[in-house]
All heavy atoms as atom14 arrays in JSON, in Angstrom:
{
  "sequence": "PHALWLRGSPNAPAGERAIALVGARAASGYGEHVTLEAAAG",
  "atom14_mask": [
    [1, 1, 1, 1, 1, 1, 1, 0, 0, 0, 0, 0, 0, 0],
    [1, 1, 1, 1, 1, 1, 1, 1, 1, 1, 0, 0, 0, 0],
    [1, 1, 1, 1, 1, 0, 0, 0, 0, 0, 0, 0, 0, 0],
    [1, 1, 1, 1, 1, 1, 1, 1, 0, 0, 0, 0, 0, 0],
    [1, 1, 1, 1, 1, 1, 1, 1, 1, 1, 1, 1, 1, 1],
    [1, 1, 1, 1, 1, 1, 1, 1, 0, 0, 0, 0, 0, 0],
    [1, 1, 1, 1, 1, 1, 1, 1, 1, 1, 1, 0, 0, 0],
    [1, 1, 1, 1, 0, 0, 0, 0, 0, 0, 0, 0, 0, 0],
    [1, 1, 1, 1, 1, 1, 0, 0, 0, 0, 0, 0, 0, 0],
    [1, 1, 1, 1, 1, 1, 1, 0, 0, 0, 0, 0, 0, 0],
    [1, 1, 1, 1, 1, 1, 1, 1, 0, 0, 0, 0, 0, 0],
    [1, 1, 1, 1, 1, 0, 0, 0, 0, 0, 0, 0, 0, 0],
    [1, 1, 1, 1, 1, 1, 1, 0, 0, 0, 0, 0, 0, 0],
    [1, 1, 1, 1, 1, 0, 0, 0, 0, 0, 0, 0, 0, 0],
    [1, 1, 1, 1, 0, 0, 0, 0, 0, 0, 0, 0, 0, 0],
    [1, 1, 1, 1, 1, 1, 1, 1, 1, 0, 0, 0, 0, 0],
    [1, 1, 1, 1, 1, 1, 1, 1, 1, 1, 1, 0, 0, 0],
    [1, 1, 1, 1, 1, 0, 0, 0, 0, 0, 0, 0, 0, 0],
    [1, 1, 1, 1, 1, 1, 1, 1, 0, 0, 0, 0, 0, 0],
    [1, 1, 1, 1, 1, 0, 0, 0, 0, 0, 0, 0, 0, 0],
    [1, 1, 1, 1, 1, 1, 1, 1, 0, 0, 0, 0, 0, 0],
    [1, 1, 1, 1, 1, 1, 1, 0, 0, 0, 0, 0, 0, 0],
    [1, 1, 1, 1, 0, 0, 0, 0, 0, 0, 0, 0, 0, 0],
    [1, 1, 1, 1, 1, 0, 0, 0, 0, 0, 0, 0, 0, 0],
    [1, 1, 1, 1, 1, 1, 1, 1, 1, 1, 1, 0, 0, 0],
    [1, 1, 1, 1, 1, 0, 0, 0, 0, 0, 0, 0, 0, 0],
    [1, 1, 1, 1, 1, 0, 0, 0, 0, 0, 0, 0, 0, 0],
    [1, 1, 1, 1, 1, 1, 0, 0, 0, 0, 0, 0, 0, 0],
    [1, 1, 1, 1, 0, 0, 0, 0, 0, 0, 0, 0, 0, 0],
    [1, 1, 1, 1, 1, 1, 1, 1, 1, 1, 1, 1, 0, 0],
    [1, 1, 1, 1, 0, 0, 0, 0, 0, 0, 0, 0, 0, 0],
    [1, 1, 1, 1, 1, 1, 1, 1, 1, 0, 0, 0, 0, 0],
    [1, 1, 1, 1, 1, 1, 1, 1, 1, 1, 0, 0, 0, 0],
    [1, 1, 1, 1, 1, 1, 1, 0, 0, 0, 0, 0, 0, 0],
    [1, 1, 1, 1, 1, 1, 1, 0, 0, 0, 0, 0, 0, 0],
    [1, 1, 1, 1, 1, 1, 1, 1, 0, 0, 0, 0, 0, 0],
    [1, 1, 1, 1, 1, 1, 1, 1, 1, 0, 0, 0, 0, 0],
    [1, 1, 1, 1, 1, 0, 0, 0, 0, 0, 0, 0, 0, 0],
    [1, 1, 1, 1, 1, 0, 0, 0, 0, 0, 0, 0, 0, 0],
    [1, 1, 1, 1, 1, 0, 0, 0, 0, 0, 0, 0, 0, 0],
    [1, 1, 1, 1, 0, 0, 0, 0, 0, 0, 0, 0, 0, 0]
  ],
  "atom14_positions": [
    [[144.77, 23.69, -57.93], [143.73, 23.4, -58.93], [144.23, 23.64, -60.35], [145.07, 24.53, -60.58], [142.61, 24.39, -58.56], [143.28, 25.48, -57.8], [144.42, 24.84, -57.08], [0.0, 0.0, 0.0], [0.0, 0.0, 0.0], [0.0, 0.0, 0.0], [0.0, 0.0, 0.0], [0.0, 0.0, 0.0], [0.0, 0.0, 0.0], [0.0, 0.0, 0.0]],
    [[143.76, 22.83, -61.29], [144.13, 23.0, -62.69], [143.47, 24.26, -63.25], [144.04, 24.96, -64.09], [143.68, 21.79, -63.52], [144.25, 20.52, -63.03], [145.58, 20.18, -63.18], [143.68, 19.46, -62.35], [145.8, 18.99, -62.64], [144.67, 18.54, -62.14], [0.0, 0.0, 0.0], [0.0, 0.0, 0.0], [0.0, 0.0, 0.0], [0.0, 0.0, 0.0]],
    [[142.27, 24.54, -62.79], [141.5, 25.72, -63.18], [140.34, 25.8, -62.2], [140.09, 24.86, -61.43], [141.0, 25.61, -64.62], [0.0, 0.0, 0.0], [0.0, 0.0, 0.0], [0.0, 0.0, 0.0], [0.0, 0.0, 0.0], [0.0, 0.0, 0.0], [0.0, 0.0, 0.0], [0.0, 0.0, 0.0], [0.0, 0.0, 0.0], [0.0, 0.0, 0.0]],
    [[139.63, 26.91, -62.21], [138.47, 27.07, -61.34], [137.28, 27.52, -62.17], [137.43, 28.27, -63.14], [138.76, 28.09, -60.23], [139.83, 27.7, -59.2], [140.16, 28.88, -58.31], [139.37, 26.51, -58.37], [0.0, 0.0, 0.0], [0.0, 0.0, 0.0], [0.0, 0.0, 0.0], [0.0, 0.0, 0.0], [0.0, 0.0, 0.0], [0.0, 0.0, 0.0]],
    [[136.1, 27.07, -61.77], [134.86, 27.48, -62.41], [134.22, 28.55, -61.53], [133.94, 28.3, -60.37], [133.94, 26.28, -62.59], [134.56, 25.2, -63.42], [135.39, 24.2, -63.0], [134.42, 25.01, -64.84], [135.78, 23.4, -64.04], [135.2, 23.87, -65.19], [133.71, 25.68, -65.84], [135.28, 23.4, -66.49], [133.79, 25.21, -67.14], [134.57, 24.08, -67.46]],
    [[134.02, 29.74, -62.1], [133.62, 30.89, -61.31], [132.32, 31.49, -61.82], [132.15, 31.69, -63.03], [134.74, 31.94, -61.33], [134.51, 33.25, -60.6], [135.83, 33.78, -60.04], [133.87, 34.32, -61.5], [0.0, 0.0, 0.0], [0.0, 0.0, 0.0], [0.0, 0.0, 0.0], [0.0, 0.0, 0.0], [0.0, 0.0, 0.0], [0.0, 0.0, 0.0]],
    [[131.46, 31.81, -60.87], [130.2, 32.49, -61.2], [130.13, 33.75, -60.34], [130.1, 33.67, -59.11], [129.03, 31.55, -60.89], [127.77, 31.84, -61.67], [126.74, 30.76, -61.44], [125.52, 31.05, -62.15], [124.4, 30.36, -62.04], [124.37, 29.31, -61.21], [123.33, 30.69, -62.72], [0.0, 0.0, 0.0], [0.0, 0.0, 0.0], [0.0, 0.0, 0.0]],
    [[130.15, 34.89, -60.97], [130.16, 36.15, -60.23], [131.25, 37.06, -60.75], [131.59, 37.05, -61.93], [0.0, 0.0, 0.0], [0.0, 0.0, 0.0], [0.0, 0.0, 0.0], [0.0, 0.0, 0.0], [0.0, 0.0, 0.0], [0.0, 0.0, 0.0], [0.0, 0.0, 0.0], [0.0, 0.0, 0.0], [0.0, 0.0, 0.0], [0.0, 0.0, 0.0]],
    [[131.83, 37.86, -59.85], [132.88, 38.8, -60.24], [134.21, 38.06, -60.45], [134.71, 37.43, -59.52], [133.06, 39.86, -59.16], [134.19, 40.66, -59.43], [0.0, 0.0, 0.0], [0.0, 0.0, 0.0], [0.0, 0.0, 0.0], [0.0, 0.0, 0.0], [0.0, 0.0, 0.0], [0.0, 0.0, 0.0], [0.0, 0.0, 0.0], [0.0, 0.0, 0.0]],
    [[134.81, 38.15, -61.63], [136.06, 37.42, -61.91], [137.21, 37.83, -61.0], [138.12, 37.03, -60.76], [136.36, 37.76, -63.37], [135.07, 38.22, -63.94], [134.34, 38.88, -62.82], [0.0, 0.0, 0.0], [0.0, 0.0, 0.0], [0.0, 0.0, 0.0], [0.0, 0.0, 0.0], [0.0, 0.0, 0.0], [0.0, 0.0, 0.0], [0.0, 0.0, 0.0]],
    [[137.21, 39.06, -60.51], [138.33, 39.53, -59.7], [138.14, 39.31, -58.21], [139.05, 39.58, -57.42], [138.58, 41.02, -59.97], [139.06, 41.28, -61.38], [139.9, 40.55, -61.91], [138.52, 42.31, -62.02], [0.0, 0.0, 0.0], [0.0, 0.0, 0.0], [0.0, 0.0, 0.0], [0.0, 0.0, 0.0], [0.0, 0.0, 0.0], [0.0, 0.0, 0.0]],
    [[136.96, 38.84, -57.81], [136.65, 38.7, -56.38], [137.64, 37.81, -55.62], [138.0, 38.14, -54.49], [135.22, 38.2, -56.2], [0.0, 0.0, 0.0], [0.0, 0.0, 0.0], [0.0, 0.0, 0.0], [0.0, 0.0, 0.0], [0.0, 0.0, 0.0], [0.0, 0.0, 0.0], [0.0, 0.0, 0.0], [0.0, 0.0, 0.0], [0.0, 0.0, 0.0]],
    [[138.07, 36.68, -56.16], [138.93, 35.8, -55.36], [140.37, 36.26, -55.19], [141.11, 35.68, -54.41], [138.88, 34.47, -56.12], [138.59, 34.85, -57.52], [137.7, 36.06, -57.44], [0.0, 0.0, 0.0], [0.0, 0.0, 0.0], [0.0, 0.0, 0.0], [0.0, 0.0, 0.0], [0.0, 0.0, 0.0], [0.0, 0.0, 0.0], [0.0, 0.0, 0.0]],
    [[140.79, 37.3, -55.91], [142.2, 37.64, -55.94], [142.62, 38.7, -54.92], [143.77, 39.08, -54.86], [142.6, 38.13, -57.34], [0.0, 0.0, 0.0], [0.0, 0.0, 0.0], [0.0, 0.0, 0.0], [0.0, 0.0, 0.0], [0.0, 0.0, 0.0], [0.0, 0.0, 0.0], [0.0, 0.0, 0.0], [0.0, 0.0, 0.0], [0.0, 0.0, 0.0]],
    [[141.68, 39.2, -54.12], [142.0, 40.27, -53.2], [142.97, 39.85, -52.1], [142.89, 38.74, -51.58], [0.0, 0.0, 0.0], [0.0, 0.0, 0.0], [0.0, 0.0, 0.0], [0.0, 0.0, 0.0], [0.0, 0.0, 0.0], [0.0, 0.0, 0.0], [0.0, 0.0, 0.0], [0.0, 0.0, 0.0], [0.0, 0.0, 0.0], [0.0, 0.0, 0.0]],
    [[143.91, 40.74, -51.76], [144.85, 40.46, -50.69], [144.17, 40.5, -49.33], [144.53, 39.77, -48.41], [146.0, 41.47, -50.72], [146.91, 41.34, -51.93], [148.05, 42.33, -51.87], [148.15, 43.05, -50.86], [148.82, 42.38, -52.84], [0.0, 0.0, 0.0], [0.0, 0.0, 0.0], [0.0, 0.0, 0.0], [0.0, 0.0, 0.0], [0.0, 0.0, 0.0]],
    [[143.18, 41.38, -49.2], [142.52, 41.53, -47.91], [141.31, 40.61, -47.84], [140.16, 41.03, -47.88], [142.13, 42.99, -47.69], [143.32, 43.9, -47.61], [142.95, 45.32, -47.27], [142.42, 45.44, -45.92], [142.54, 46.53, -45.17], [143.18, 47.57, -45.64], [142.02, 46.58, -43.97], [0.0, 0.0, 0.0], [0.0, 0.0, 0.0], [0.0, 0.0, 0.0]],
    [[141.59, 39.34, -47.76], [140.55, 38.32, -47.64], [140.83, 37.49, -46.4], [141.98, 37.16, -46.11], [140.53, 37.42, -48.88], [0.0, 0.0, 0.0], [0.0, 0.0, 0.0], [0.0, 0.0, 0.0], [0.0, 0.0, 0.0], [0.0, 0.0, 0.0], [0.0, 0.0, 0.0], [0.0, 0.0, 0.0], [0.0, 0.0, 0.0], [0.0, 0.0, 0.0]],
    [[139.8, 37.16, -45.67], [139.96, 36.37, -44.45], [138.88, 35.3, -44.41], [137.72, 35.56, -44.75], [139.9, 37.26, -43.2], [140.32, 36.5, -41.95], [138.55, 37.92, -43.03], [140.64, 37.4, -40.77], [0.0, 0.0, 0.0], [0.0, 0.0, 0.0], [0.0, 0.0, 0.0], [0.0, 0.0, 0.0], [0.0, 0.0, 0.0], [0.0, 0.0, 0.0]],
    [[139.26, 34.09, -44.07], [138.31, 32.97, -44.03], [137.7, 32.85, -42.64], [138.42, 32.79, -41.64], [139.02, 31.68, -44.41], [0.0, 0.0, 0.0], [0.0, 0.0, 0.0], [0.0, 0.0, 0.0], [0.0, 0.0, 0.0], [0.0, 0.0, 0.0], [0.0, 0.0, 0.0], [0.0, 0.0, 0.0], [0.0, 0.0, 0.0], [0.0, 0.0, 0.0]],
    [[136.38, 32.81, -42.6], [135.64, 32.56, -41.37], [134.92, 31.23, -41.56], [134.04, 31.12, -42.42], [134.65, 33.68, -41.06], [135.21, 35.09, -40.93], [134.11, 36.07, -40.52], [136.36, 35.15, -39.93], [0.0, 0.0, 0.0], [0.0, 0.0, 0.0], [0.0, 0.0, 0.0], [0.0, 0.0, 0.0], [0.0, 0.0, 0.0], [0.0, 0.0, 0.0]],
    [[135.28, 30.23, -40.79], [134.71, 28.9, -40.96], [134.29, 28.34, -39.6], [134.69, 28.85, -38.55], [135.73, 27.94, -41.62], [136.08, 28.43, -43.02], [137.0, 27.82, -40.78], [0.0, 0.0, 0.0], [0.0, 0.0, 0.0], [0.0, 0.0, 0.0], [0.0, 0.0, 0.0], [0.0, 0.0, 0.0], [0.0, 0.0, 0.0], [0.0, 0.0, 0.0]],
    [[133.47, 27.3, -39.66], [133.04, 26.7, -38.4], [131.99, 25.64, -38.62], [131.74, 25.19, -39.74], [0.0, 0.0, 0.0], [0.0, 0.0, 0.0], [0.0, 0.0, 0.0], [0.0, 0.0, 0.0], [0.0, 0.0, 0.0], [0.0, 0.0, 0.0], [0.0, 0.0, 0.0], [0.0, 0.0, 0.0], [0.0, 0.0, 0.0], [0.0, 0.0, 0.0]],
    [[131.36, 25.25, -37.54], [130.44, 24.12, -37.54], [129.15, 24.41, -38.29], [128.67, 25.55, -38.3], [130.12, 23.73, -36.1], [0.0, 0.0, 0.0], [0.0, 0.0, 0.0], [0.0, 0.0, 0.0], [0.0, 0.0, 0.0], [0.0, 0.0, 0.0], [0.0, 0.0, 0.0], [0.0, 0.0, 0.0], [0.0, 0.0, 0.0], [0.0, 0.0, 0.0]],
    [[128.6, 23.37, -38.92], [127.29, 23.5, -39.53], [126.21, 23.62, -38.46], [125.29, 24.41, -38.59], [127.01, 22.3, -40.43], [127.82, 22.29, -41.72], [127.56, 21.03, -42.54], [128.19, 21.1, -43.85], [129.46, 20.86, -44.09], [130.26, 20.51, -43.09], [129.95, 20.95, -45.3], [0.0, 0.0, 0.0], [0.0, 0.0, 0.0], [0.0, 0.0, 0.0]],
    [[126.34, 22.82, -37.42], [125.36, 22.88, -36.32], [125.81, 23.94, -35.33], [126.19, 23.65, -34.19], [125.26, 21.52, -35.65], [0.0, 0.0, 0.0], [0.0, 0.0, 0.0], [0.0, 0.0, 0.0], [0.0, 0.0, 0.0], [0.0, 0.0, 0.0], [0.0, 0.0, 0.0], [0.0, 0.0, 0.0], [0.0, 0.0, 0.0], [0.0, 0.0, 0.0]],
    [[125.77, 25.2, -35.76], [126.26, 26.29, -34.93], [125.26, 26.64, -33.84], [124.04, 26.53, -34.02], [126.53, 27.51, -35.8], [0.0, 0.0, 0.0], [0.0, 0.0, 0.0], [0.0, 0.0, 0.0], [0.0, 0.0, 0.0], [0.0, 0.0, 0.0], [0.0, 0.0, 0.0], [0.0, 0.0, 0.0], [0.0, 0.0, 0.0], [0.0, 0.0, 0.0]],
    [[125.77, 27.08, -32.72], [124.92, 27.54, -31.62], [124.58, 29.01, -31.83], [125.15, 29.69, -32.69], [125.65, 27.37, -30.29], [126.75, 28.27, -30.21], [0.0, 0.0, 0.0], [0.0, 0.0, 0.0], [0.0, 0.0, 0.0], [0.0, 0.0, 0.0], [0.0, 0.0, 0.0], [0.0, 0.0, 0.0], [0.0, 0.0, 0.0], [0.0, 0.0, 0.0]],
    [[123.66, 29.52, -31.03], [123.33, 30.94, -31.1], [124.55, 31.8, -30.8], [124.75, 32.85, -31.42], [0.0, 0.0, 0.0], [0.0, 0.0, 0.0], [0.0, 0.0, 0.0], [0.0, 0.0, 0.0], [0.0, 0.0, 0.0], [0.0, 0.0, 0.0], [0.0, 0.0, 0.0], [0.0, 0.0, 0.0], [0.0, 0.0, 0.0], [0.0, 0.0, 0.0]],
    [[125.37, 31.34, -29.87], [126.61, 32.06, -29.53], [127.53, 32.13, -30.75], [128.06, 33.19, -31.09], [127.3, 31.35, -28.38], [128.76, 31.73, -28.18], [129.1, 32.89, -27.51], [129.79, 30.92, -28.68], [130.44, 33.25, -27.35], [131.12, 31.27, -28.52], [131.44, 32.43, -27.84], [132.75, 32.79, -27.68], [0.0, 0.0, 0.0], [0.0, 0.0, 0.0]],
    [[127.74, 30.99, -31.42], [128.63, 30.95, -32.56], [128.16, 31.85, -33.69], [128.97, 32.56, -34.3], [0.0, 0.0, 0.0], [0.0, 0.0, 0.0], [0.0, 0.0, 0.0], [0.0, 0.0, 0.0], [0.0, 0.0, 0.0], [0.0, 0.0, 0.0], [0.0, 0.0, 0.0], [0.0, 0.0, 0.0], [0.0, 0.0, 0.0], [0.0, 0.0, 0.0]],
    [[126.88, 31.82, -33.97], [126.36, 32.66, -35.05], [126.46, 34.14, -34.68], [126.78, 34.98, -35.54], [124.91, 32.28, -35.37], [124.78, 30.89, -36.01], [123.46, 30.71, -36.73], [122.59, 31.6, -36.59], [123.3, 29.68, -37.41], [0.0, 0.0, 0.0], [0.0, 0.0, 0.0], [0.0, 0.0, 0.0], [0.0, 0.0, 0.0], [0.0, 0.0, 0.0]],
    [[126.2, 34.47, -33.42], [126.29, 35.87, -32.99], [127.71, 36.4, -33.15], [127.93, 37.49, -33.71], [125.84, 36.0, -31.53], [126.09, 37.36, -30.95], [125.3, 38.45, -31.26], [127.06, 37.81, -30.1], [125.76, 39.52, -30.62], [126.83, 39.16, -29.91], [0.0, 0.0, 0.0], [0.0, 0.0, 0.0], [0.0, 0.0, 0.0], [0.0, 0.0, 0.0]],
    [[128.68, 35.64, -32.66], [130.08, 36.07, -32.77], [130.48, 36.2, -34.24], [131.2, 37.13, -34.62], [131.0, 35.08, -32.04], [132.47, 35.42, -32.28], [130.72, 35.08, -30.55], [0.0, 0.0, 0.0], [0.0, 0.0, 0.0], [0.0, 0.0, 0.0], [0.0, 0.0, 0.0], [0.0, 0.0, 0.0], [0.0, 0.0, 0.0], [0.0, 0.0, 0.0]],
    [[130.0, 35.29, -35.08], [130.34, 35.32, -36.51], [129.75, 36.55, -37.18], [130.42, 37.23, -37.98], [129.85, 34.05, -37.2], [130.44, 32.91, -36.58], [130.2, 34.05, -38.68], [0.0, 0.0, 0.0], [0.0, 0.0, 0.0], [0.0, 0.0, 0.0], [0.0, 0.0, 0.0], [0.0, 0.0, 0.0], [0.0, 0.0, 0.0], [0.0, 0.0, 0.0]],
    [[128.5, 36.86, -36.87], [127.85, 38.03, -37.46], [128.6, 39.3, -37.1], [128.85, 40.17, -37.94], [126.4, 38.11, -37.02], [125.45, 37.01, -37.53], [124.11, 37.09, -36.83], [125.26, 37.14, -39.04], [0.0, 0.0, 0.0], [0.0, 0.0, 0.0], [0.0, 0.0, 0.0], [0.0, 0.0, 0.0], [0.0, 0.0, 0.0], [0.0, 0.0, 0.0]],
    [[128.96, 39.42, -35.83], [129.68, 40.61, -35.37], [131.06, 40.7, -36.03], [131.49, 41.78, -36.46], [129.84, 40.56, -33.85], [128.54, 40.7, -33.08], [127.99, 42.12, -33.14], [128.8, 43.06, -33.21], [126.76, 42.27, -33.12], [0.0, 0.0, 0.0], [0.0, 0.0, 0.0], [0.0, 0.0, 0.0], [0.0, 0.0, 0.0], [0.0, 0.0, 0.0]],
    [[131.76, 39.58, -36.09], [133.12, 39.59, -36.65], [133.1, 39.9, -38.15], [133.89, 40.72, -38.63], [133.78, 38.23, -36.4], [0.0, 0.0, 0.0], [0.0, 0.0, 0.0], [0.0, 0.0, 0.0], [0.0, 0.0, 0.0], [0.0, 0.0, 0.0], [0.0, 0.0, 0.0], [0.0, 0.0, 0.0], [0.0, 0.0, 0.0], [0.0, 0.0, 0.0]],
    [[132.21, 39.25, -38.89], [132.16, 39.46, -40.34], [131.81, 40.91, -40.66], [132.42, 41.52, -41.55], [131.14, 38.51, -40.97], [0.0, 0.0, 0.0], [0.0, 0.0, 0.0], [0.0, 0.0, 0.0], [0.0, 0.0, 0.0], [0.0, 0.0, 0.0], [0.0, 0.0, 0.0], [0.0, 0.0, 0.0], [0.0, 0.0, 0.0], [0.0, 0.0, 0.0]],
    [[130.84, 41.47, -39.95], [130.47, 42.86, -40.18], [131.64, 43.8, -39.88], [131.92, 44.73, -40.64], [129.26, 43.23, -39.33], [0.0, 0.0, 0.0], [0.0, 0.0, 0.0], [0.0, 0.0, 0.0], [0.0, 0.0, 0.0], [0.0, 0.0, 0.0], [0.0, 0.0, 0.0], [0.0, 0.0, 0.0], [0.0, 0.0, 0.0], [0.0, 0.0, 0.0]],
    [[132.35, 43.54, -38.78], [133.49, 44.37, -38.44], [134.62, 44.26, -39.43], [135.3, 45.25, -39.73], [0.0, 0.0, 0.0], [0.0, 0.0, 0.0], [0.0, 0.0, 0.0], [0.0, 0.0, 0.0], [0.0, 0.0, 0.0], [0.0, 0.0, 0.0], [0.0, 0.0, 0.0], [0.0, 0.0, 0.0], [0.0, 0.0, 0.0], [0.0, 0.0, 0.0]]
  ]
}
């Protein structure tokens, strides 16, 4: 990117300990449950 437009904490995107959790928009109950548990952990 040439630059980024940011709203919030300016330093938030630069952390080394960042992990992307992605998936389907039409998520099942199973998918959402696993995601909630994983993100919290």
